[in-house]
Amino acid sequence: MSHLKLSMEIWPNMPWGRLELCGPAWNSWGNIPLSDLVYKIADFGYEGFDVIYPKIQEIPKEAYQNEVKKVKEAMEKTGIAFASIGCHTTLVSPREFDRRAGIDLFKAAIDSAYDMGCKNVATLVGDGFYDPPLYILMSHKEAWKQVVEATKELCEYAEPKGINVCIELIQGTIINSIDALLKLFDAVDMPNLYTCVDVGTYYTTVKPKMPIREAIEKIANRIQCVHVKDEVGFPNIMQSQHVWFGAGFVDFKEMADALKSVGYSAYSAVEWEGFQNGGLYGVGDPSGMQFCDFDRVAVEAREFLLENGWD
């Protein structure tokens, strides 16, 4: 069985730009420069790092080229890889200007990936279809056409740069099942189209329809990045909540075994989103605590995963 390489995902403060339920989302790494975090993550024993795109967007334009240089130097000195950029963006919308802006944003993320030596840029198919309920304003046929056209355009833009486009199956979107994902691969028909497996989503959304091992086997040659988290709730974004490792539905050993069995060789990113809950009592965490100390997250998440098959 293959070795599963762990990476750590870097979040900016207020990653999606909005104020959360109980105040602005923040984490203890939020104000640390990206290049400095590469060294920190290597020190914690990870083999790679992933970045949520707004962390790159917030670099001042005049400082961008210098930060790119520093990130690449940090990668060379530490030996860890830039595994992926997460750029959640709008690909489905009855408002064409929103959709066009979303496509252009993802292209900018592809450019940054090329600049910094990252091979994968991932997105869910925003802005949903089922949640938010865009089906009120547009048909499934129309939404599907938008997904296929946008994904193909992005793959064609990324291919000459050597970048993979990774579509994340997730609750609420039109790509919320393995069958829908396979249908997208066939419709787009591009060699650099892959998928991102979000472990929490697979236990709230995929497992009710098919066993995890079967799901992973069906898409084995198309998995290019994995987001590792725990989750509870129903197969709907608004009713699914991110929880600390071990508190949710995820069987980490089962998922690790499934990935190893198909020879998955890319990176698995610790993706801790519970810090966004906000307030004294986070709305999604049954322990009643938000967890913003990413020094602790980096240590304890890795310890947990190594104990539960992620080795």
C-alpha atoms as a PDB file:
ATOM      1  CA  MET A   1       0.000   0.000   0.000  1.00  0.00           C
ATOM      2  CA  SER A   2       1.139   3.525  -0.778  1.00  0.00           C
ATOM      3  CA  HIS A   3       2.389   6.112   1.702  1.00  0.00           C
ATOM      4  CA  LEU A   4      -0.036   8.995   2.302  1.00  0.00           C
ATOM      5  CA  LYS A   5       1.774  12.330   2.262  1.00  0.00           C
ATOM      6  CA  LEU A   6       0.370  14.922   4.673  1.00  0.00           C
ATOM      7  CA  SER A   7       0.208  18.624   3.911  1.00  0.00           C
ATOM      8  CA  MET A   8      -1.159  21.548   5.918  1.00  0.00           C
ATOM      9  CA  GLU A   9      -3.628  24.065   4.539  1.00  0.00           C
ATOM     10  CA  ILE A  10      -2.906  27.769   5.033  1.00  0.00           C
ATOM     11  CA  TRP A  11      -5.859  30.085   5.654  1.00  0.00           C
ATOM     12  CA  PRO A  12      -5.958  33.866   5.674  1.00  0.00           C
ATOM     13  CA  ASN A  13      -8.103  35.723   8.166  1.00  0.00           C
ATOM     14  CA  MET A  14     -11.685  36.223   6.927  1.00  0.00           C
ATOM     15  CA  PRO A  15     -11.064  33.694   4.105  1.00  0.00           C
ATOM     16  CA  TRP A  16     -14.361  34.288   2.321  1.00  0.00           C
ATOM     17  CA  GLY A  17     -14.435  38.007   3.021  1.00  0.00           C
ATOM     18  CA  ARG A  18     -17.635  38.109   5.044  1.00  0.00           C
ATOM     19  CA  LEU A  19     -18.232  38.522   8.764  1.00  0.00           C
ATOM     20  CA  GLU A  20     -19.221  35.233  10.348  1.00  0.00           C
ATOM     21  CA  LEU A  21     -22.076  34.634  12.786  1.00  0.00           C
ATOM     22  CA  CYS A  22     -20.204  35.891  15.839  1.00  0.00           C
ATOM     23  CA  GLY A  23     -17.538  38.104  14.295  1.00  0.00           C
ATOM     24  CA  PRO A  24     -14.741  37.941  11.712  1.00  0.00           C
ATOM     25  CA  ALA A  25     -13.101  34.548  11.217  1.00  0.00           C
ATOM     26  CA  TRP A  26      -9.438  34.574  12.207  1.00  0.00           C
ATOM     27  CA  ASN A  27      -6.644  32.149  12.998  1.00  0.00           C
ATOM     28  CA  SER A  28      -3.248  32.497  14.653  1.00  0.00           C
ATOM     29  CA  TRP A  29      -1.421  32.152  11.331  1.00  0.00           C
ATOM     30  CA  GLY A  30      -3.655  34.630   9.531  1.00  0.00           C
ATOM     31  CA  ASN A  31      -1.199  37.535   9.537  1.00  0.00           C
ATOM     32  CA  ILE A  32       1.998  35.535   9.023  1.00  0.00           C
ATOM     33  CA  PRO A  33       3.501  35.897   5.513  1.00  0.00           C
ATOM     34  CA  LEU A  34       3.040  32.888   3.253  1.00  0.00           C
ATOM     35  CA  SER A  35       6.770  32.312   2.792  1.00  0.00           C
ATOM     36  CA  ASP A  36       7.330  32.203   6.576  1.00  0.00           C
ATOM     37  CA  LEU A  37       4.548  29.641   6.952  1.00  0.00           C
ATOM     38  CA  VAL A  38       6.308  27.272   4.555  1.00  0.00           C
ATOM     39  CA  TYR A  39       9.197  26.996   7.047  1.00  0.00           C
ATOM     40  CA  LYS A  40       6.783  26.626   9.964  1.00  0.00           C
ATOM     41  CA  ILE A  41       4.841  23.819   8.303  1.00  0.00           C
ATOM     42  CA  ALA A  42       8.060  21.981   7.439  1.00  0.00           C
ATOM     43  CA  ASP A  43       9.148  22.252  11.078  1.00  0.00           C
ATOM     44  CA  PHE A  44       5.901  20.543  12.124  1.00  0.00           C
ATOM     45  CA  GLY A  45       6.823  17.528   9.981  1.00  0.00           C
ATOM     46  CA  TYR A  46       4.540  17.958   6.985  1.00  0.00           C
ATOM     47  CA  GLU A  47       5.620  17.074   3.455  1.00  0.00           C
ATOM     48  CA  GLY A  48       3.610  19.785   1.712  1.00  0.00           C
ATOM     49  CA  PHE A  49       1.410  22.836   2.105  1.00  0.00           C
ATOM     50  CA  ASP A  50      -1.804  24.078   0.510  1.00  0.00           C
ATOM     51  CA  VAL A  51      -3.060  27.649   0.299  1.00  0.00           C
ATOM     52  CA  ILE A  52      -6.535  29.182   0.212  1.00  0.00           C
ATOM     53  CA  TYR A  53      -6.273  31.672  -2.660  1.00  0.00           C
ATOM     54  CA  PRO A  54      -7.278  34.842  -0.727  1.00  0.00           C
ATOM     55  CA  LYS A  55      -3.995  34.370   1.200  1.00  0.00           C
ATOM     56  CA  ILE A  56      -2.228  35.047  -2.114  1.00  0.00           C
ATOM     57  CA  GLN A  57      -4.683  37.753  -3.164  1.00  0.00           C
ATOM     58  CA  GLU A  58      -3.887  39.778  -0.061  1.00  0.00           C
ATOM     59  CA  ILE A  59      -0.214  40.108  -1.031  1.00  0.00           C
ATOM     60  CA  PRO A  60       0.244  43.738  -2.163  1.00  0.00           C
ATOM     61  CA  LYS A  61       0.786  43.991  -5.912  1.00  0.00           C
ATOM     62  CA  GLU A  62       4.163  45.688  -5.499  1.00  0.00           C
ATOM     63  CA  ALA A  63       5.334  42.883  -3.158  1.00  0.00           C
ATOM     64  CA  TYR A  64       4.007  39.935  -5.181  1.00  0.00           C
ATOM     65  CA  GLN A  65       7.105  39.028  -7.198  1.00  0.00           C
ATOM     66  CA  ASN A  66       9.353  39.208  -4.137  1.00  0.00           C
ATOM     67  CA  GLU A  67       6.985  36.982  -2.137  1.00  0.00           C
ATOM     68  CA  VAL A  68       6.866  34.492  -5.016  1.00  0.00           C
ATOM     69  CA  LYS A  69      10.663  34.356  -4.915  1.00  0.00           C
ATOM     70  CA  LYS A  70      10.662  33.862  -1.134  1.00  0.00           C
ATOM     71  CA  VAL A  71       8.048  31.082  -1.305  1.00  0.00           C
ATOM     72  CA  LYS A  72      10.067  29.195  -3.912  1.00  0.00           C
ATOM     73  CA  GLU A  73      13.248  29.643  -1.858  1.00  0.00           C
ATOM     74  CA  ALA A  74      11.456  28.284   1.209  1.00  0.00           C
ATOM     75  CA  MET A  75      10.256  25.267  -0.773  1.00  0.00           C
ATOM     76  CA  GLU A  76      13.786  24.590  -2.011  1.00  0.00           C
ATOM     77  CA  LYS A  77      15.334  24.912   1.451  1.00  0.00           C
ATOM     78  CA  THR A  78      12.727  22.789   3.254  1.00  0.00           C
ATOM     79  CA  GLY A  79      12.034  20.242   0.523  1.00  0.00           C
ATOM     80  CA  ILE A  80       8.282  20.457   0.989  1.00  0.00           C
ATOM     81  CA  ALA A  81       5.880  20.804  -1.943  1.00  0.00           C
ATOM     82  CA  PHE A  82       3.209  23.344  -2.811  1.00  0.00           C
ATOM     83  CA  ALA A  83       0.398  20.799  -3.108  1.00  0.00           C
ATOM     84  CA  SER A  84      -2.610  22.892  -4.163  1.00  0.00           C
ATOM     85  CA  ILE A  85      -4.394  26.232  -4.222  1.00  0.00           C
ATOM     86  CA  GLY A  86      -8.039  26.287  -3.155  1.00  0.00           C
ATOM     87  CA  CYS A  87      -9.991  28.917  -5.092  1.00  0.00           C
ATOM     88  CA  HIS A  88     -13.697  28.513  -4.430  1.00  0.00           C
ATOM     89  CA  THR A  89     -15.357  30.547  -7.128  1.00  0.00           C
ATOM     90  CA  THR A  90     -18.613  31.033  -9.014  1.00  0.00           C
ATOM     91  CA  LEU A  91     -19.075  28.767 -12.039  1.00  0.00           C
ATOM     92  CA  VAL A  92     -22.886  28.517 -11.949  1.00  0.00           C
ATOM     93  CA  SER A  93     -25.122  31.558 -11.779  1.00  0.00           C
ATOM     94  CA  PRO A  94     -28.134  33.185 -13.449  1.00  0.00           C
ATOM     95  CA  ARG A  95     -26.027  36.373 -13.292  1.00  0.00           C
ATOM     96  CA  GLU A  96     -23.548  36.034 -16.141  1.00  0.00           C
ATOM     97  CA  PHE A  97     -21.342  38.839 -14.827  1.00  0.00           C
ATOM     98  CA  ASP A  98     -20.902  36.921 -11.547  1.00  0.00           C
ATOM     99  CA  ARG A  99     -20.068  33.744 -13.414  1.00  0.00           C
ATOM    100  CA  ARG A 100     -17.608  35.543 -15.697  1.00  0.00           C
ATOM    101  CA  ALA A 101     -15.897  37.133 -12.703  1.00  0.00           C
ATOM    102  CA  GLY A 102     -15.655  33.693 -11.079  1.00  0.00           C
ATOM    103  CA  ILE A 103     -13.999  32.162 -14.120  1.00  0.00           C
ATOM    104  CA  ASP A 104     -11.536  35.055 -14.322  1.00  0.00           C
ATOM    105  CA  LEU A 105     -10.721  34.691 -10.604  1.00  0.00           C
ATOM    106  CA  PHE A 106      -9.901  31.016 -11.074  1.00  0.00           C
ATOM    107  CA  LYS A 107      -7.662  31.891 -14.024  1.00  0.00           C
ATOM    108  CA  ALA A 108      -5.792  34.315 -11.761  1.00  0.00           C
ATOM    109  CA  ALA A 109      -5.311  31.466  -9.264  1.00  0.00           C
ATOM    110  CA  ILE A 110      -3.940  29.304 -12.088  1.00  0.00           C
ATOM    111  CA  ASP A 111      -1.455  32.077 -12.893  1.00  0.00           C
ATOM    112  CA  SER A 112      -0.327  32.190  -9.260  1.00  0.00           C
ATOM    113  CA  ALA A 113       0.030  28.407  -9.190  1.00  0.00           C
ATOM    114  CA  TYR A 114       2.268  28.636 -12.244  1.00  0.00           C
ATOM    115  CA  ASP A 115       4.322  31.421 -10.656  1.00  0.00           C
ATOM    116  CA  MET A 116       4.867  29.542  -7.393  1.00  0.00           C
ATOM    117  CA  GLY A 117       5.417  26.010  -8.648  1.00  0.00           C
ATOM    118  CA  CYS A 118       2.055  24.520  -7.667  1.00  0.00           C
ATOM    119  CA  LYS A 119       0.444  21.946  -9.988  1.00  0.00           C
ATOM    120  CA  ASN A 120      -3.169  21.890  -8.729  1.00  0.00           C
ATOM    121  CA  VAL A 121      -5.929  24.471  -8.349  1.00  0.00           C
ATOM    122  CA  ALA A 122      -9.182  23.257  -6.787  1.00  0.00           C
ATOM    123  CA  THR A 123     -12.711  24.592  -6.584  1.00  0.00           C
ATOM    124  CA  LEU A 124     -16.205  23.486  -5.737  1.00  0.00           C
ATOM    125  CA  VAL A 125     -18.808  24.362  -8.365  1.00  0.00           C
ATOM    126  CA  GLY A 126     -19.959  27.646  -6.831  1.00  0.00           C
ATOM    127  CA  ASP A 127     -22.515  29.084  -6.365  1.00  0.00           C
ATOM    128  CA  GLY A 128     -24.248  25.759  -5.884  1.00  0.00           C
ATOM    129  CA  PHE A 129     -27.501  24.817  -7.543  1.00  0.00           C
ATOM    130  CA  TYR A 130     -29.361  23.096  -4.746  1.00  0.00           C
ATOM    131  CA  ASP A 131     -27.854  25.230  -1.995  1.00  0.00           C
ATOM    132  CA  PRO A 132     -28.280  28.117  -2.558  1.00  0.00           C
ATOM    133  CA  PRO A 133     -31.417  27.075  -4.506  1.00  0.00           C
ATOM    134  CA  LEU A 134     -30.531  28.434  -7.933  1.00  0.00           C
ATOM    135  CA  TYR A 135     -32.959  25.888  -9.411  1.00  0.00           C
ATOM    136  CA  ILE A 136     -35.622  28.509  -8.663  1.00  0.00           C
ATOM    137  CA  LEU A 137     -34.060  30.716 -11.342  1.00  0.00           C
ATOM    138  CA  MET A 138     -32.481  28.274 -13.798  1.00  0.00           C
ATOM    139  CA  SER A 139     -32.977  24.735 -15.049  1.00  0.00           C
ATOM    140  CA  HIS A 140     -30.718  21.787 -14.345  1.00  0.00           C
ATOM    141  CA  LYS A 141     -29.910  21.633 -18.056  1.00  0.00           C
ATOM    142  CA  GLU A 142     -28.805  25.281 -18.076  1.00  0.00           C
ATOM    143  CA  ALA A 143     -26.735  24.901 -14.892  1.00  0.00           C
ATOM    144  CA  TRP A 144     -25.059  21.757 -16.212  1.00  0.00           C
ATOM    145  CA  LYS A 145     -24.165  23.521 -19.464  1.00  0.00           C
ATOM    146  CA  GLN A 146     -22.549  26.324 -17.460  1.00  0.00           C
ATOM    147  CA  VAL A 147     -20.485  23.867 -15.414  1.00  0.00           C
ATOM    148  CA  VAL A 148     -19.212  21.988 -18.445  1.00  0.00           C
ATOM    149  CA  GLU A 149     -18.364  25.137 -20.413  1.00  0.00           C
ATOM    150  CA  ALA A 150     -16.628  26.856 -17.491  1.00  0.00           C
ATOM    151  CA  THR A 151     -14.651  23.756 -16.503  1.00  0.00           C
ATOM    152  CA  LYS A 152     -13.504  23.167 -20.079  1.00  0.00           C
ATOM    153  CA  GLU A 153     -12.465  26.805 -20.451  1.00  0.00           C
ATOM    154  CA  LEU A 154     -10.422  26.604 -17.249  1.00  0.00           C
ATOM    155  CA  CYS A 155      -8.775  23.330 -18.245  1.00  0.00           C
ATOM    156  CA  GLU A 156      -7.846  24.765 -21.642  1.00  0.00           C
ATOM    157  CA  TYR A 157      -6.343  27.820 -19.941  1.00  0.00           C
ATOM    158  CA  ALA A 158      -4.418  25.700 -17.416  1.00  0.00           C
ATOM    159  CA  GLU A 159      -3.133  22.935 -19.683  1.00  0.00           C
ATOM    160  CA  PRO A 160      -0.307  24.882 -21.434  1.00  0.00           C
ATOM    161  CA  LYS A 161       0.893  26.005 -17.984  1.00  0.00           C
ATOM    162  CA  GLY A 162       1.046  22.406 -16.724  1.00  0.00           C
ATOM    163  CA  ILE A 163      -1.672  23.020 -14.123  1.00  0.00           C
ATOM    164  CA  ASN A 164      -4.455  20.610 -13.120  1.00  0.00           C
ATOM    165  CA  VAL A 165      -8.023  21.785 -12.471  1.00  0.00           C
ATOM    166  CA  CYS A 166      -9.558  19.869  -9.540  1.00  0.00           C
ATOM    167  CA  ILE A 167     -13.332  19.953  -9.096  1.00  0.00           C
ATOM    168  CA  GLU A 168     -14.492  19.220  -5.568  1.00  0.00           C
ATOM    169  CA  LEU A 169     -17.613  17.135  -5.096  1.00  0.00           C
ATOM    170  CA  ILE A 170     -19.634  18.862  -2.398  1.00  0.00           C
ATOM    171  CA  GLN A 171     -23.102  19.088  -0.912  1.00  0.00           C
ATOM    172  CA  GLY A 172     -25.521  21.555  -2.455  1.00  0.00           C
ATOM    173  CA  THR A 173     -23.798  21.831  -5.829  1.00  0.00           C
ATOM    174  CA  ILE A 174     -24.741  20.173  -9.079  1.00  0.00           C
ATOM    175  CA  ILE A 175     -21.611  17.989  -8.632  1.00  0.00           C
ATOM    176  CA  ASN A 176     -22.778  16.270  -5.441  1.00  0.00           C
ATOM    177  CA  SER A 177     -22.395  12.601  -6.370  1.00  0.00           C
ATOM    178  CA  ILE A 178     -19.837  10.249  -7.881  1.00  0.00           C
ATOM    179  CA  ASP A 179     -22.097   9.767 -10.911  1.00  0.00           C
ATOM    180  CA  ALA A 180     -22.230  13.533 -11.508  1.00  0.00           C
ATOM    181  CA  LEU A 181     -18.438  13.733 -11.189  1.00  0.00           C
ATOM    182  CA  LEU A 182     -17.904  10.939 -13.717  1.00  0.00           C
ATOM    183  CA  LYS A 183     -20.402  12.591 -16.061  1.00  0.00           C
ATOM    184  CA  LEU A 184     -18.403  15.840 -15.825  1.00  0.00           C
ATOM    185  CA  PHE A 185     -15.138  14.057 -16.672  1.00  0.00           C
ATOM    186  CA  ASP A 186     -16.763  12.587 -19.788  1.00  0.00           C
ATOM    187  CA  ALA A 187     -18.384  15.864 -20.871  1.00  0.00           C
ATOM    188  CA  VAL A 188     -15.269  18.029 -20.446  1.00  0.00           C
ATOM    189  CA  ASP A 189     -12.844  15.383 -21.733  1.00  0.00           C
ATOM    190  CA  MET A 190      -9.609  17.134 -20.749  1.00  0.00           C
ATOM    191  CA  PRO A 191      -6.477  15.327 -19.504  1.00  0.00           C
ATOM    192  CA  ASN A 192      -5.793  17.915 -16.772  1.00  0.00           C
ATOM    193  CA  LEU A 193      -9.240  17.656 -15.166  1.00  0.00           C
ATOM    194  CA  TYR A 194      -9.094  15.944 -11.773  1.00  0.00           C
ATOM    195  CA  THR A 195     -11.054  15.897  -8.547  1.00  0.00           C
ATOM    196  CA  CYS A 196     -10.454  16.877  -4.952  1.00  0.00           C
ATOM    197  CA  VAL A 197     -11.743  14.409  -2.367  1.00  0.00           C
ATOM    198  CA  ASP A 198     -13.074  16.233   0.695  1.00  0.00           C
ATOM    199  CA  VAL A 199     -13.135  13.527   3.345  1.00  0.00           C
ATOM    200  CA  GLY A 200     -15.867  15.152   5.438  1.00  0.00           C
ATOM    201  CA  THR A 201     -18.130  15.540   2.412  1.00  0.00           C
ATOM    202  CA  TYR A 202     -17.631  11.932   1.415  1.00  0.00           C
ATOM    203  CA  TYR A 203     -19.044  10.757   4.745  1.00  0.00           C
ATOM    204  CA  THR A 204     -22.032  13.113   4.831  1.00  0.00           C
ATOM    205  CA  THR A 205     -22.845  13.088   1.109  1.00  0.00           C
ATOM    206  CA  VAL A 206     -21.278  10.161  -0.770  1.00  0.00           C
ATOM    207  CA  LYS A 207     -21.512   7.364   1.801  1.00  0.00           C
ATOM    208  CA  PRO A 208     -25.349   7.499   1.999  1.00  0.00           C
ATOM    209  CA  LYS A 209     -25.341   6.517  -1.697  1.00  0.00           C
ATOM    210  CA  MET A 210     -22.418   4.090  -1.960  1.00  0.00           C
ATOM    211  CA  PRO A 211     -19.607   2.598   0.143  1.00  0.00           C
ATOM    212  CA  ILE A 212     -16.481   4.733   0.493  1.00  0.00           C
ATOM    213  CA  ARG A 213     -14.168   2.093  -0.991  1.00  0.00           C
ATOM    214  CA  GLU A 214     -16.387   1.790  -4.084  1.00  0.00           C
ATOM    215  CA  ALA A 215     -16.507   5.562  -4.516  1.00  0.00           C
ATOM    216  CA  ILE A 216     -12.723   5.916  -4.349  1.00  0.00           C
ATOM    217  CA  GLU A 217     -12.218   3.041  -6.766  1.00  0.00           C
ATOM    218  CA  LYS A 218     -14.536   4.673  -9.330  1.00  0.00           C
ATOM    219  CA  ILE A 219     -12.472   7.891  -9.431  1.00  0.00           C
ATOM    220  CA  ALA A 220      -9.057   6.474  -8.507  1.00  0.00           C
ATOM    221  CA  ASN A 221      -7.183   7.786 -11.547  1.00  0.00           C
ATOM    222  CA  ARG A 222      -8.741  11.246 -11.204  1.00  0.00           C
ATOM    223  CA  ILE A 223      -7.875  12.127  -7.583  1.00  0.00           C
ATOM    224  CA  GLN A 224      -5.184  14.789  -7.398  1.00  0.00           C
ATOM    225  CA  CYS A 225      -5.742  16.294  -3.938  1.00  0.00           C
ATOM    226  CA  VAL A 226      -7.480  15.307  -0.696  1.00  0.00           C
ATOM    227  CA  HIS A 227      -8.849  17.579   2.043  1.00  0.00           C
ATOM    228  CA  VAL A 228      -8.894  15.843   5.421  1.00  0.00           C
ATOM    229  CA  LYS A 229     -11.465  16.992   7.952  1.00  0.00           C
ATOM    230  CA  ASP A 230     -14.228  15.614  10.168  1.00  0.00           C
ATOM    231  CA  GLU A 231     -17.864  16.520   9.705  1.00  0.00           C
ATOM    232  CA  VAL A 232     -21.388  15.920  10.972  1.00  0.00           C
ATOM    233  CA  GLY A 233     -24.809  16.673   9.534  1.00  0.00           C
ATOM    234  CA  PHE A 234     -27.004  15.928   6.551  1.00  0.00           C
ATOM    235  CA  PRO A 235     -26.157  15.928   2.812  1.00  0.00           C
ATOM    236  CA  ASN A 236     -26.741  19.681   2.609  1.00  0.00           C
ATOM    237  CA  ILE A 237     -24.170  22.431   3.109  1.00  0.00           C
ATOM    238  CA  MET A 238     -26.288  24.436   5.534  1.00  0.00           C
ATOM    239  CA  GLN A 239     -26.835  21.395   7.753  1.00  0.00           C
ATOM    240  CA  SER A 240     -23.278  20.041   7.730  1.00  0.00           C
ATOM    241  CA  GLN A 241     -20.759  21.259  10.294  1.00  0.00           C
ATOM    242  CA  HIS A 242     -17.011  20.936  10.575  1.00  0.00           C
ATOM    243  CA  VAL A 243     -15.863  19.362  13.820  1.00  0.00           C
ATOM    244  CA  TRP A 244     -12.519  18.498  15.362  1.00  0.00           C
ATOM    245  CA  PHE A 245     -10.938  15.213  14.332  1.00  0.00           C
ATOM    246  CA  GLY A 246     -12.739  12.284  15.914  1.00  0.00           C
ATOM    247  CA  ALA A 247     -15.972  14.145  16.716  1.00  0.00           C
ATOM    248  CA  GLY A 248     -17.779  13.465  13.449  1.00  0.00           C
ATOM    249  CA  PHE A 249     -18.883  10.793  10.980  1.00  0.00           C
ATOM    250  CA  VAL A 250     -15.539  10.200   9.265  1.00  0.00           C
ATOM    251  CA  ASP A 251     -13.898   6.792   9.544  1.00  0.00           C
ATOM    252  CA  PHE A 252     -10.323   7.937   8.938  1.00  0.00           C
ATOM    253  CA  LYS A 253      -8.855   4.446   8.813  1.00  0.00           C
ATOM    254  CA  GLU A 254     -11.412   3.370   6.220  1.00  0.00           C
ATOM    255  CA  MET A 255     -10.668   6.374   4.001  1.00  0.00           C
ATOM    256  CA  ALA A 256      -6.899   6.000   4.397  1.00  0.00           C
ATOM    257  CA  ASP A 257      -7.111   2.327   3.448  1.00  0.00           C
ATOM    258  CA  ALA A 258      -9.265   3.166   0.421  1.00  0.00           C
ATOM    259  CA  LEU A 259      -6.788   5.774  -0.832  1.00  0.00           C
ATOM    260  CA  LYS A 260      -3.823   3.480  -0.237  1.00  0.00           C
ATOM    261  CA  SER A 261      -5.537   0.597  -2.033  1.00  0.00           C
ATOM    262  CA  VAL A 262      -5.789   2.599  -5.275  1.00  0.00           C
ATOM    263  CA  GLY A 263      -2.207   3.852  -5.009  1.00  0.00           C
ATOM    264  CA  TYR A 264      -3.023   7.483  -4.304  1.00  0.00           C
ATOM    265  CA  SER A 265       0.308   9.286  -4.346  1.00  0.00           C
ATOM    266  CA  ALA A 266      -0.473  13.023  -4.110  1.00  0.00           C
ATOM    267  CA  TYR A 267      -1.022  15.024  -0.904  1.00  0.00           C
ATOM    268  CA  SER A 268      -3.671  14.931   1.827  1.00  0.00           C
ATOM    269  CA  ALA A 269      -4.201  18.353   3.377  1.00  0.00           C
ATOM    270  CA  VAL A 270      -5.264  19.022   6.930  1.00  0.00           C
ATOM    271  CA  GLU A 271      -8.188  21.369   6.238  1.00  0.00           C
ATOM    272  CA  TRP A 272      -9.381  22.777   9.545  1.00  0.00           C
ATOM    273  CA  GLU A 273     -12.362  25.091   8.977  1.00  0.00           C
ATOM    274  CA  GLY A 274     -13.904  25.037  12.431  1.00  0.00           C
ATOM    275  CA  PHE A 275     -12.031  28.227  13.375  1.00  0.00           C
ATOM    276  CA  GLN A 276     -14.593  30.046  11.226  1.00  0.00           C
ATOM    277  CA  ASN A 277     -17.405  29.194  13.657  1.00  0.00           C
ATOM    278  CA  GLY A 278     -16.744  32.404  15.582  1.00  0.00           C
ATOM    279  CA  GLY A 279     -17.729  33.567  19.023  1.00  0.00           C
ATOM    280  CA  LEU A 280     -17.192  31.957  22.402  1.00  0.00           C
ATOM    281  CA  TYR A 281     -19.268  28.948  21.374  1.00  0.00           C
ATOM    282  CA  GLY A 282     -18.737  27.930  17.765  1.00  0.00           C
ATOM    283  CA  VAL A 283     -21.980  27.108  15.973  1.00  0.00           C
ATOM    284  CA  GLY A 284     -20.565  23.959  14.383  1.00  0.00           C
ATOM    285  CA  ASP A 285     -18.356  22.414  17.038  1.00  0.00           C
ATOM    286  CA  PRO A 286     -20.128  20.142  19.554  1.00  0.00           C
ATOM    287  CA  SER A 287     -17.273  20.598  22.010  1.00  0.00           C
ATOM    288  CA  GLY A 288     -18.396  24.215  22.346  1.00  0.00           C
ATOM    289  CA  MET A 289     -14.999  25.687  21.448  1.00  0.00           C
ATOM    290  CA  GLN A 290     -13.651  27.325  18.354  1.00  0.00           C
ATOM    291  CA  PHE A 291     -10.048  26.339  17.708  1.00  0.00           C
ATOM    292  CA  CYS A 292      -7.966  29.188  16.245  1.00  0.00           C
ATOM    293  CA  ASP A 293      -4.498  28.189  17.468  1.00  0.00           C
ATOM    294  CA  PHE A 294      -2.987  26.724  14.308  1.00  0.00           C
ATOM    295  CA  ASP A 295       0.233  25.740  16.089  1.00  0.00           C
ATOM    296  CA  ARG A 296      -1.931  23.305  18.035  1.00  0.00           C
ATOM    297  CA  VAL A 297      -3.934  22.340  14.953  1.00  0.00           C
ATOM    298  CA  ALA A 298      -0.776  21.459  13.024  1.00  0.00           C
ATOM    299  CA  VAL A 299       0.561  19.258  15.815  1.00  0.00           C
ATOM    300  CA  GLU A 300      -2.619  17.550  16.988  1.00  0.00           C
ATOM    301  CA  ALA A 301      -4.116  16.968  13.548  1.00  0.00           C
ATOM    302  CA  ARG A 302      -0.940  15.252  12.352  1.00  0.00           C
ATOM    303  CA  GLU A 303      -0.749  13.141  15.510  1.00  0.00           C
ATOM    304  CA  PHE A 304      -4.378  12.070  15.092  1.00  0.00           C
ATOM    305  CA  LEU A 305      -4.014  11.199  11.421  1.00  0.00           C
ATOM    306  CA  LEU A 306      -0.795   9.214  11.923  1.00  0.00           C
ATOM    307  CA  GLU A 307      -2.585   7.203  14.612  1.00  0.00           C
ATOM    308  CA  ASN A 308      -5.545   6.599  12.278  1.00  0.00           C
ATOM    309  CA  GLY A 309      -3.962   5.219   9.127  1.00  0.00           C
ATOM    310  CA  TRP A 310      -2.542   8.340   7.501  1.00  0.00           C
ATOM    311  CA  ASP A 311       1.031   7.109   7.284  1.00  0.00           C
END
